[in-house]
């Protein structure tokens, strides 16, 4: 039986195929704040993961600010979040085409900058992923040069235009420098938040914190009052000792009382350059994964620095090969593909409230579809992330492979849709084959995962909550994950020797 990456081919027995999987905005829905967590429409923690664009005024970044790149990040990298980092007070050059040099920020060319942001926001909404509108400033704590007045104009416009879309997140102050939370940042937030709320009553707003958004504990000591759906920024560069020793403890302390959102982070030192310390990287990412904190990594740019995701060879329309990706780009792409389910088409029927995703039900004739979030770069090798040297486009829609057969494979392998009455345990079973010799068996109340080699299997909800975790300690064997016939969309994450993949399974 063959499958194409993206949507799997099935043997169907006694029930119909149902395309219940959807784009991230359908899976997660509108974001809100409950206590110290950012949650989805079902009230469970929502951990978004994606990429930040580099400054839009850079000739190494601006040409990537287009819908093709947004689509590529969603489809191939499995990013469910992008960040549009719009320059404010910076003046880097005089070339609005960005073909022979850089340009200048919003204070000097508001319409040009605003149009670039709109391009990214429109593309993200169309794709069904989330997008951060980032006022990428270090100095808006005062109103010199009309910075705060300009912020009022900018966010008023954006809230009026995009306030009805739950995809949109407002980042009102990227990285305040060494200024006071109580005297500088907080009064600015109290000025901008009502401007947004005049037109958008509920989309998430993220507020910057002192020391380049590395000291959210100062905001936690005197948080904003009488605000709705507001989180606080935490930025880190994981290979920086100061960030590990000072910023991370501050963030852990802050999280006891306020919700955090990592709108920018990197693998490198805080300069954006230097060697990557993967032990420190894992320390940061293990923590944000444990706490279900959303993150956008720095950055989509072909600049000659370690934090850049791309080499200069990378096309400005996506379709990047492994050879187009720098070390950070390879690691981040592998991380996103390992944790985020693959992008699937938007339906516009996503969850609207916590009640919409908590309905109970049981049926022995469940409708099931599955899709894999990690696909081989070629038909003969498993994708291994940064170590891969393939020059084939790492696309999620262009590969086809023949997985190894198992005893559950339908006899009519040339017709994957044909019933296999000879090997079904009961009348409510569908079988799907995946690479790495793994397979799923769907029955009334269980998902049986056939594994090759020592493996860990987790069943999670779409917000990353673990429903069940099982280990296969033998060279071969089976594990059983109980779904209890509850309708919904689940993630099955498999980690083993030489592979790490996530599959999205929908049961209706």
Protein backbone atom coordinates (compact mmCIF):
# COMPACT_ATOMS: atom_id res chain seq x y z
CA UNK A 1 0.00 0.00 0.00
CA UNK A 2 1.34 3.46 -0.90
CA UNK A 3 0.82 6.80 0.69
CA UNK A 4 1.60 10.34 -0.34
CA UNK A 5 2.92 12.75 2.25
CA UNK A 6 0.19 14.96 3.57
CA UNK A 7 -2.94 12.79 3.43
CA UNK A 8 -2.67 9.05 3.96
CA UNK A 9 -4.24 6.32 1.86
CA UNK A 10 -6.42 3.90 3.79
CA UNK A 11 -8.14 0.57 3.60
CA UNK A 12 -11.69 1.45 4.62
CA UNK A 13 -13.91 -1.08 6.29
CA UNK A 14 -17.56 -0.44 7.16
CA UNK A 15 -17.28 3.33 7.38
CA UNK A 16 -16.37 6.38 5.33
CA UNK A 17 -13.26 8.54 5.28
CA UNK A 18 -13.78 11.87 7.06
CA UNK A 19 -11.36 14.78 6.61
CA UNK A 20 -11.73 16.10 10.14
CA UNK A 21 -8.21 17.46 10.49
CA UNK A 22 -7.87 21.16 9.79
CA UNK A 23 -5.56 24.14 9.87
CA UNK A 24 -4.18 25.34 13.25
CA UNK A 25 -6.82 28.05 13.62
CA UNK A 26 -9.50 25.36 13.32
CA UNK A 27 -7.74 23.00 15.72
CA UNK A 28 -6.94 25.57 18.44
CA UNK A 29 -9.34 28.45 17.85
CA UNK A 30 -9.37 31.83 19.57
CA UNK A 31 -6.66 32.39 22.18
CA UNK A 32 -7.35 33.75 25.64
CA UNK A 33 -5.69 33.99 29.04
CA UNK A 34 -6.75 31.84 31.98
CA UNK A 35 -4.63 32.36 35.06
CA UNK A 36 -0.99 32.03 34.01
CA UNK A 37 -1.69 30.18 30.75
CA UNK A 38 -2.57 31.15 27.21
CA UNK A 39 -5.29 28.71 26.22
CA UNK A 40 -7.19 27.69 23.11
CA UNK A 41 -10.92 27.68 22.55
CA UNK A 42 -11.32 24.47 24.56
CA UNK A 43 -9.71 26.03 27.63
CA UNK A 44 -6.55 23.92 27.46
CA UNK A 45 -3.02 25.40 27.20
CA UNK A 46 -2.22 26.32 23.61
CA UNK A 47 1.46 26.12 22.69
CA UNK A 48 2.05 27.77 19.33
CA UNK A 49 5.41 27.17 17.63
CA UNK A 50 6.83 28.97 14.64
CA UNK A 51 9.24 31.49 13.14
CA UNK A 52 9.87 35.19 13.30
CA UNK A 53 10.79 37.14 10.22
CA UNK A 54 13.89 39.32 10.56
CA UNK A 55 13.56 43.14 10.41
CA UNK A 56 11.49 44.01 7.34
CA UNK A 57 13.80 46.87 6.32
CA UNK A 58 16.80 44.58 5.72
CA UNK A 59 17.75 43.62 2.17
CA UNK A 60 18.52 40.15 3.57
CA UNK A 61 15.05 39.73 5.01
CA UNK A 62 12.47 42.01 3.36
CA UNK A 63 12.32 40.02 0.09
CA UNK A 64 11.12 37.01 2.13
CA UNK A 65 8.12 38.95 3.45
CA UNK A 66 5.57 37.38 1.11
CA UNK A 67 2.76 34.83 1.01
CA UNK A 68 4.90 32.15 -0.66
CA UNK A 69 7.27 32.05 2.31
CA UNK A 70 4.39 32.05 4.82
CA UNK A 71 2.85 29.12 2.94
CA UNK A 72 6.17 27.27 2.84
CA UNK A 73 6.73 27.71 6.57
CA UNK A 74 3.22 26.39 7.25
CA UNK A 75 3.34 23.47 4.84
CA UNK A 76 6.96 22.32 4.98
CA UNK A 77 8.20 23.52 8.37
CA UNK A 78 4.78 22.90 10.01
CA UNK A 79 4.93 26.33 11.65
CA UNK A 80 1.57 27.33 13.11
CA UNK A 81 2.83 30.81 13.98
CA UNK A 82 4.75 33.55 12.15
CA UNK A 83 5.90 36.92 13.45
CA UNK A 84 6.08 40.10 11.39
CA UNK A 85 8.90 42.11 13.01
CA UNK A 86 8.30 45.63 11.67
CA UNK A 87 11.06 48.19 12.21
CA UNK A 88 10.04 51.40 13.97
CA UNK A 89 12.78 53.93 14.75
CA UNK A 90 15.54 52.34 12.67
CA UNK A 91 16.93 53.91 9.50
CA UNK A 92 19.21 51.46 7.68
CA UNK A 93 19.18 52.78 4.11
CA UNK A 94 17.39 54.52 1.28
CA UNK A 95 16.29 51.65 -0.98
CA UNK A 96 12.53 50.90 -0.77
CA UNK A 97 12.96 48.03 -3.25
CA UNK A 98 15.48 46.32 -0.92
CA UNK A 99 17.29 45.13 -4.05
CA UNK A 100 20.48 47.17 -3.55
CA UNK A 101 20.29 48.11 0.12
CA UNK A 102 18.16 48.52 3.21
CA UNK A 103 15.38 50.98 4.05
CA UNK A 104 13.84 52.77 7.04
CA UNK A 105 11.22 52.03 9.67
CA UNK A 106 7.64 53.03 10.39
CA UNK A 107 8.42 56.46 11.85
CA UNK A 108 9.77 57.56 8.46
CA UNK A 109 7.79 55.46 5.96
CA UNK A 110 4.56 54.35 7.67
CA UNK A 111 2.63 53.24 4.60
CA UNK A 112 5.51 51.18 3.17
CA UNK A 113 6.09 49.39 6.47
CA UNK A 114 2.41 48.87 7.16
CA UNK A 115 1.92 47.28 3.74
CA UNK A 116 4.69 44.77 4.45
CA UNK A 117 3.03 43.75 7.70
CA UNK A 118 -0.35 43.43 5.97
CA UNK A 119 1.19 41.06 3.42
CA UNK A 120 2.28 38.67 6.17
CA UNK A 121 -0.94 38.98 8.18
CA UNK A 122 -3.16 38.42 5.14
CA UNK A 123 -1.14 35.36 4.14
CA UNK A 124 -1.28 33.87 7.64
CA UNK A 125 -5.03 34.37 7.90
CA UNK A 126 -5.53 32.83 4.47
CA UNK A 127 -3.36 29.87 5.51
CA UNK A 128 -5.12 29.37 8.82
CA UNK A 129 -2.09 29.95 11.07
CA UNK A 130 -1.42 32.52 13.77
CA UNK A 131 0.50 35.76 13.25
CA UNK A 132 2.17 38.24 15.60
CA UNK A 133 2.03 41.90 14.59
CA UNK A 134 5.28 43.08 16.15
CA UNK A 135 6.09 46.74 16.92
CA UNK A 136 9.78 45.93 16.67
CA UNK A 137 11.16 48.75 18.79
CA UNK A 138 13.67 49.21 21.59
CA UNK A 139 12.81 52.81 22.45
CA UNK A 140 9.04 53.38 22.57
CA UNK A 141 9.11 53.91 26.34
CA UNK A 142 8.96 57.65 25.59
CA UNK A 143 7.25 59.75 22.92
CA UNK A 144 10.34 61.33 21.39
CA UNK A 145 9.98 61.59 17.61
CA UNK A 146 6.31 60.74 18.11
CA UNK A 147 6.99 57.04 18.67
CA UNK A 148 4.05 56.45 21.00
CA UNK A 149 1.73 58.56 18.87
CA UNK A 150 2.77 56.47 15.88
CA UNK A 151 2.09 53.28 17.83
CA UNK A 152 -1.43 54.53 18.56
CA UNK A 153 -2.03 55.14 14.84
CA UNK A 154 -0.52 51.79 13.84
CA UNK A 155 -2.37 49.57 16.32
CA UNK A 156 -5.63 51.44 15.83
CA UNK A 157 -5.41 50.65 12.12
CA UNK A 158 -4.43 47.01 12.66
CA UNK A 159 -7.16 46.38 15.24
CA UNK A 160 -9.82 47.86 12.98
CA UNK A 161 -8.68 45.80 10.03
CA UNK A 162 -7.89 42.48 11.71
CA UNK A 163 -9.76 42.50 15.02
CA UNK A 164 -12.33 39.97 13.82
CA UNK A 165 -9.67 37.35 13.03
CA UNK A 166 -8.61 35.10 15.94
CA UNK A 167 -5.31 34.43 14.12
CA UNK A 168 -3.96 37.85 15.11
CA UNK A 169 -1.72 38.56 18.12
CA UNK A 170 -0.55 42.10 18.95
CA UNK A 171 3.01 42.54 20.26
CA UNK A 172 2.99 46.18 21.31
CA UNK A 173 6.65 46.60 22.32
CA UNK A 174 9.27 44.12 21.18
CA UNK A 175 12.23 44.69 23.48
CA UNK A 176 12.35 47.63 25.89
CA UNK A 177 15.94 48.20 26.90
CA UNK A 178 17.13 48.91 30.43
CA UNK A 179 14.12 50.97 31.49
CA UNK A 180 11.61 50.79 34.31
CA UNK A 181 8.56 48.56 34.06
CA UNK A 182 6.51 50.71 36.43
CA UNK A 183 7.55 54.13 35.14
CA UNK A 184 8.08 53.52 31.41
CA UNK A 185 6.71 50.26 29.97
CA UNK A 186 3.54 49.89 32.02
CA UNK A 187 2.25 53.42 31.28
CA UNK A 188 2.88 52.84 27.57
CA UNK A 189 0.94 49.55 27.69
CA UNK A 190 -1.90 51.31 29.50
CA UNK A 191 -1.97 53.79 26.62
CA UNK A 192 -1.93 51.26 23.75
CA UNK A 193 -4.12 48.44 25.07
CA UNK A 194 -7.33 50.58 25.18
CA UNK A 195 -6.62 51.68 21.59
CA UNK A 196 -6.66 48.04 20.48
CA UNK A 197 -9.61 47.11 22.69
CA UNK A 198 -11.71 49.88 21.18
CA UNK A 199 -11.91 47.77 18.02
CA UNK A 200 -10.78 44.31 19.10
CA UNK A 201 -12.19 43.22 22.46
CA UNK A 202 -10.51 39.87 22.86
CA UNK A 203 -7.51 38.95 20.68
CA UNK A 204 -4.30 38.27 22.58
CA UNK A 205 -2.00 41.23 23.37
CA UNK A 206 1.62 40.63 24.40
CA UNK A 207 3.45 43.32 26.40
CA UNK A 208 7.24 43.71 26.42
CA UNK A 209 9.26 43.56 29.63
CA UNK A 210 12.51 45.21 30.82
CA UNK A 211 16.03 44.28 29.69
CA UNK A 212 15.19 43.29 26.12
CA UNK A 213 12.14 41.38 27.42
CA UNK A 214 14.35 39.24 29.61
CA UNK A 215 12.98 40.33 33.01
CA UNK A 216 9.27 39.52 33.09
CA UNK A 217 9.57 39.13 36.86
CA UNK A 218 9.57 42.92 37.14
CA UNK A 219 6.20 43.02 35.38
CA UNK A 220 4.95 40.18 37.57
CA UNK A 221 5.66 42.26 40.66
CA UNK A 222 3.18 44.93 39.51
CA UNK A 223 1.18 43.54 36.59
CA UNK A 224 -1.34 45.43 34.52
CA UNK A 225 -4.78 45.76 36.05
CA UNK A 226 -8.25 45.55 34.54
CA UNK A 227 -7.02 44.05 31.27
CA UNK A 228 -8.29 41.05 29.33
CA UNK A 229 -6.27 38.48 27.41
CA UNK A 230 -2.87 40.05 28.00
CA UNK A 231 0.36 38.04 28.23
CA UNK A 232 3.91 39.21 28.89
CA UNK A 233 6.97 38.84 26.70
CA UNK A 234 9.95 36.66 27.48
CA UNK A 235 12.88 36.60 25.04
CA UNK A 236 15.91 34.36 25.27
CA UNK A 237 18.98 33.38 23.30
CA UNK A 238 19.76 29.95 24.58
CA UNK A 239 23.57 29.88 24.21
CA UNK A 240 23.99 33.09 26.20
CA UNK A 241 25.19 32.48 29.77
CA UNK A 242 23.51 35.64 31.06
CA UNK A 243 20.17 34.49 29.67
CA UNK A 244 20.60 31.05 31.25
CA UNK A 245 21.76 32.31 34.63
CA UNK A 246 19.58 35.43 34.98
CA UNK A 247 16.77 35.59 32.43
CA UNK A 248 15.55 32.00 32.79
CA UNK A 249 15.20 32.17 36.61
CA UNK A 250 13.38 35.50 36.19
CA UNK A 251 10.95 33.92 33.73
CA UNK A 252 10.33 30.93 35.99
CA UNK A 253 9.56 33.28 38.84
CA UNK A 254 7.27 35.44 36.70
CA UNK A 255 5.31 32.43 35.48
CA UNK A 256 4.04 31.89 39.00
CA UNK A 257 1.78 34.93 38.61
CA UNK A 258 1.57 36.05 34.95
CA UNK A 259 1.28 34.29 31.56
CA UNK A 260 4.33 34.39 29.28
CA UNK A 261 4.70 34.28 25.51
CA UNK A 262 8.13 33.83 23.89
CA UNK A 263 7.69 36.05 20.85
CA UNK A 264 11.41 35.81 20.03
CA UNK A 265 14.09 33.27 20.86
CA UNK A 266 17.23 31.86 19.30
CA UNK A 267 19.72 29.06 19.60
CA UNK A 268 22.69 31.42 19.69
CA UNK A 269 24.13 34.10 21.94
CA UNK A 270 22.17 37.33 22.37
CA UNK A 271 24.16 39.01 19.59
CA UNK A 272 22.46 36.64 17.16
CA UNK A 273 25.84 35.09 16.42
CA UNK A 274 28.39 32.80 18.06
CA UNK A 275 28.51 29.07 18.63
CA UNK A 276 25.41 27.10 19.55
CA UNK A 277 25.50 25.28 22.88
CA UNK A 278 22.93 22.50 22.47
CA UNK A 279 22.98 21.57 26.15
CA UNK A 280 21.81 25.09 26.97
CA UNK A 281 19.37 25.04 24.03
CA UNK A 282 17.75 21.89 25.40
CA UNK A 283 17.49 23.45 28.87
CA UNK A 284 15.43 26.35 27.52
CA UNK A 285 13.27 24.31 25.16
CA UNK A 286 12.59 21.58 27.71
CA UNK A 287 11.25 24.27 30.02
CA UNK A 288 8.99 26.02 27.52
CA UNK A 289 7.68 22.65 26.35
CA UNK A 290 7.00 21.60 29.93
CA UNK A 291 5.15 24.85 30.63
CA UNK A 292 3.37 24.89 27.23
CA UNK A 293 4.70 28.38 26.39
CA UNK A 294 4.33 29.51 22.77
CA UNK A 295 7.43 30.56 20.84
CA UNK A 296 8.60 32.17 17.61
CA UNK A 297 12.26 31.63 16.71
CA UNK A 298 14.61 34.25 15.26
CA UNK A 299 14.78 34.40 12.24
CA UNK A 300 13.90 34.12 8.55
CA UNK A 301 16.84 35.93 6.96
CA UNK A 302 19.89 35.04 4.86
CA UNK A 303 22.24 37.20 6.90
CA UNK A 304 25.70 35.84 7.70
CA UNK A 305 25.09 35.08 11.38
CA UNK A 306 24.40 31.94 13.37
CA UNK A 307 20.80 32.79 14.28
CA UNK A 308 19.87 33.22 10.61
CA UNK A 309 17.81 30.33 9.26
CA UNK A 310 18.86 30.70 5.62
CA UNK A 311 21.83 30.94 3.32
CA UNK A 312 21.84 33.46 0.47
CA UNK A 313 20.96 30.60 -1.90
CA UNK A 314 17.46 30.31 -0.34
CA UNK A 315 14.75 31.38 -2.76
CA UNK A 316 12.55 34.28 -1.72
CA UNK A 317 9.50 32.16 -2.58
CA UNK A 318 10.23 29.16 -0.35
CA UNK A 319 10.91 25.69 -1.80
CA UNK A 320 14.15 25.56 0.19
CA UNK A 321 16.45 22.56 0.12
CA UNK A 322 18.49 21.28 3.04
CA UNK A 323 21.49 23.01 1.51
CA UNK A 324 19.67 26.35 1.74
CA UNK A 325 19.32 26.06 5.53
CA UNK A 326 21.89 27.20 8.04
CA UNK A 327 22.48 25.26 11.26
CA UNK A 328 19.74 27.15 13.11
CA UNK A 329 17.31 26.69 10.23
CA UNK A 330 17.89 22.93 10.10
CA UNK A 331 17.45 22.52 13.86
CA UNK A 332 14.33 24.69 14.01
CA UNK A 333 12.70 23.04 11.01
CA UNK A 334 13.34 19.62 12.54
CA UNK A 335 11.97 20.81 15.89
CA UNK A 336 8.79 22.20 14.34
CA UNK A 337 8.17 19.13 12.20
CA UNK A 338 8.73 16.89 15.19
CA UNK A 339 6.25 18.72 17.42
CA UNK A 340 3.64 20.35 15.19
CA UNK A 341 1.21 18.27 13.16
CA UNK A 342 1.38 18.93 9.46
CA UNK A 343 -0.61 21.81 8.03
CA UNK A 344 -3.95 20.82 6.51
CA UNK A 345 -6.52 22.99 4.73
CA UNK A 346 -8.55 25.54 6.65
CA UNK A 347 -12.26 24.78 6.99
CA UNK A 348 -13.48 27.77 8.95
CA UNK A 349 -15.23 25.40 11.34
CA UNK A 350 -12.76 25.47 14.20
CA UNK A 351 -13.65 25.52 17.89
CA UNK A 352 -15.34 28.72 19.06
CA UNK A 353 -15.44 28.05 22.80
CA UNK A 354 -14.43 25.47 25.34
CA UNK A 355 -17.80 23.75 25.06
CA UNK A 356 -17.39 23.09 21.36
CA UNK A 357 -14.53 20.65 21.86
CA UNK A 358 -15.72 18.83 24.96
CA UNK A 359 -18.71 16.90 23.66
CA UNK A 360 -18.86 13.26 24.73
CA UNK A 361 -19.88 10.43 22.51
CA UNK A 362 -19.20 6.86 21.70
CA UNK A 363 -19.57 4.80 18.59
CA UNK A 364 -18.10 1.54 17.42
CA UNK A 365 -18.17 2.83 13.85
CA UNK A 366 -15.90 5.84 14.29
CA UNK A 367 -14.79 7.81 11.27
CA UNK A 368 -11.04 8.17 11.28
CA UNK A 369 -8.37 9.93 9.26
CA UNK A 370 -4.69 10.34 10.04
CA UNK A 371 -1.91 12.49 8.67
CA UNK A 372 1.80 12.44 9.44
CA UNK A 373 3.75 15.49 10.55
CA UNK A 374 7.16 14.06 9.66
CA UNK A 375 7.88 12.72 6.20
CA UNK A 376 11.04 11.34 4.64
CA UNK A 377 13.13 13.67 2.53
CA UNK A 378 13.58 10.81 0.10
CA UNK A 379 11.84 7.48 -0.27
CA UNK A 380 14.82 5.61 1.09
CA UNK A 381 15.82 7.58 4.18
CA UNK A 382 14.24 8.96 7.32
CA UNK A 383 14.56 12.68 7.87
CA UNK A 384 17.07 13.31 10.67
CA UNK A 385 17.00 17.10 10.96
CA UNK A 386 20.18 19.15 11.03
CA UNK A 387 22.45 16.26 10.09
CA UNK A 388 20.72 15.72 6.76
CA UNK A 389 22.56 16.85 3.62
CA UNK A 390 19.90 16.18 1.04
CA UNK A 391 19.64 18.75 -1.75
CA UNK A 392 16.13 17.65 -2.61
CA UNK A 393 13.44 20.24 -1.78
CA UNK A 394 12.16 19.33 1.66
CA UNK A 395 8.55 19.61 0.64
CA UNK A 396 5.60 18.07 2.44
CA UNK A 397 3.71 17.50 -0.78
CA UNK A 398 6.15 16.03 -3.28
CA UNK A 399 7.33 12.69 -1.96
CA UNK A 400 5.91 9.18 -2.20
CA UNK A 401 7.20 6.03 -0.60
CA UNK A 402 6.34 2.37 -0.11
CA UNK A 403 6.42 1.56 3.59
CA UNK A 404 7.29 -1.94 4.64
CA UNK A 405 4.32 -4.22 4.77
CA UNK A 406 3.01 -5.86 7.87
CA UNK A 407 0.49 -8.54 8.64
CA UNK A 408 -2.16 -5.84 8.70
CA UNK A 409 -1.49 -4.57 5.17
CA UNK A 410 -4.49 -5.00 2.85
CA UNK A 411 -4.12 -7.78 0.34
CA UNK A 412 -5.19 -5.50 -2.50
CA UNK A 413 -2.18 -3.16 -2.18
CA UNK A 414 -2.78 -1.68 -5.63
CA UNK A 415 -6.14 -0.40 -4.47
CA UNK A 416 -5.67 1.13 -1.01
CA UNK A 417 -9.35 1.91 -0.74
CA UNK A 418 -10.44 -1.68 -1.16
CA UNK A 419 -11.80 -3.49 1.94
CA UNK A 420 -9.58 -6.20 3.37
CA UNK A 421 -12.13 -8.54 4.87
CA UNK A 422 -9.58 -11.27 5.40
CA UNK A 423 -7.47 -9.47 8.03
CA UNK A 424 -9.79 -7.19 9.99
CA UNK A 425 -10.34 -7.94 13.68
CA UNK A 426 -13.84 -6.49 13.51
CA UNK A 427 -16.06 -4.39 11.26
CA UNK A 428 -14.87 -1.05 12.60
CA UNK A 429 -11.19 -1.15 11.69
CA UNK A 430 -9.02 0.93 9.37
CA UNK A 431 -5.33 0.41 8.78
CA UNK A 432 -2.71 2.96 7.78
CA UNK A 433 0.97 2.32 7.06
CA UNK A 434 3.70 4.84 7.74
CA UNK A 435 7.44 4.92 7.17
CA UNK A 436 9.84 3.59 9.85
CA UNK A 437 7.79 0.38 9.75
CA UNK A 438 5.19 1.82 12.10
CA UNK A 439 1.48 1.37 11.59
CA UNK A 440 -1.77 2.40 13.20
CA UNK A 441 -4.72 0.09 13.80
CA UNK A 442 -7.99 1.86 14.59
CA UNK A 443 -10.64 -0.11 16.45
CA UNK A 444 -13.65 0.73 18.60
CA UNK A 445 -11.90 2.03 21.72
CA UNK A 446 -8.18 1.81 20.99
CA UNK A 447 -5.39 2.92 18.71
CA UNK A 448 -2.81 0.16 18.33
CA UNK A 449 0.60 1.34 17.18
CA UNK A 450 2.94 -1.29 15.74
CA UNK A 451 6.55 -0.32 16.36
CA UNK A 452 9.96 -1.39 15.17
CA UNK A 453 12.70 -0.98 17.77
CA UNK A 454 12.68 0.63 21.19
CA UNK A 455 10.22 3.49 21.12
CA UNK A 456 8.25 5.93 23.20
CA UNK A 457 4.65 6.63 22.20
CA UNK A 458 2.55 9.50 23.53
CA UNK A 459 -1.11 10.24 22.90
CA UNK A 460 -1.75 13.98 23.28
CA UNK A 461 -4.55 16.42 22.74
CA UNK A 462 -4.01 19.30 20.33
CA UNK A 463 -2.71 21.58 23.05
CA UNK A 464 0.03 19.08 23.86
CA UNK A 465 -1.49 17.59 27.02
CA UNK A 466 -0.37 14.01 27.47
CA UNK A 467 -3.31 11.61 27.59
CA UNK A 468 -1.17 8.49 27.72
CA UNK A 469 2.52 7.61 27.52
CA UNK A 470 3.87 4.15 26.81
CA UNK A 471 7.29 2.67 26.20
CA UNK A 472 8.17 -0.22 23.93
CA UNK A 473 11.38 -1.61 25.40
CA UNK A 474 11.80 -4.53 23.06
CA UNK A 475 13.35 -4.78 19.61
CA UNK A 476 9.85 -5.24 18.23
CA UNK A 477 6.38 -5.26 19.67
CA UNK A 478 3.03 -3.53 20.02
CA UNK A 479 1.69 -0.86 22.36
CA UNK A 480 -1.92 0.09 22.89
CA UNK A 481 -3.19 3.63 23.40
CA UNK A 482 -6.74 3.93 24.72
CA UNK A 483 -8.84 6.66 23.09
CA UNK A 484 -12.03 5.57 24.86
CA UNK A 485 -14.03 6.34 21.69
CA UNK A 486 -14.21 10.05 22.55
CA UNK A 487 -14.63 12.14 19.38
CA UNK A 488 -11.89 14.64 18.71
CA UNK A 489 -8.50 15.24 17.15
CA UNK A 490 -5.42 13.71 18.75
CA UNK A 491 -1.67 13.67 18.23
CA UNK A 492 0.31 10.44 18.31
CA UNK A 493 3.99 11.25 18.91
CA UNK A 494 6.51 8.49 18.33
CA UNK A 495 10.16 8.73 19.35
CA UNK A 496 12.59 5.93 18.64
CA UNK A 497 16.07 5.07 17.54
CA UNK A 498 16.78 7.39 14.61
CA UNK A 499 13.33 8.92 14.20
CA UNK A 500 10.93 11.37 15.81
CA UNK A 501 7.52 11.95 14.26
CA UNK A 502 4.06 13.20 15.08
CA UNK A 503 0.81 12.03 13.46
CA UNK A 504 -2.56 13.73 13.71
CA UNK A 505 -5.56 11.43 14.14
CA UNK A 506 -9.18 12.52 13.98
CA UNK A 507 -11.99 10.39 15.44
CA UNK A 508 -15.60 11.44 14.80
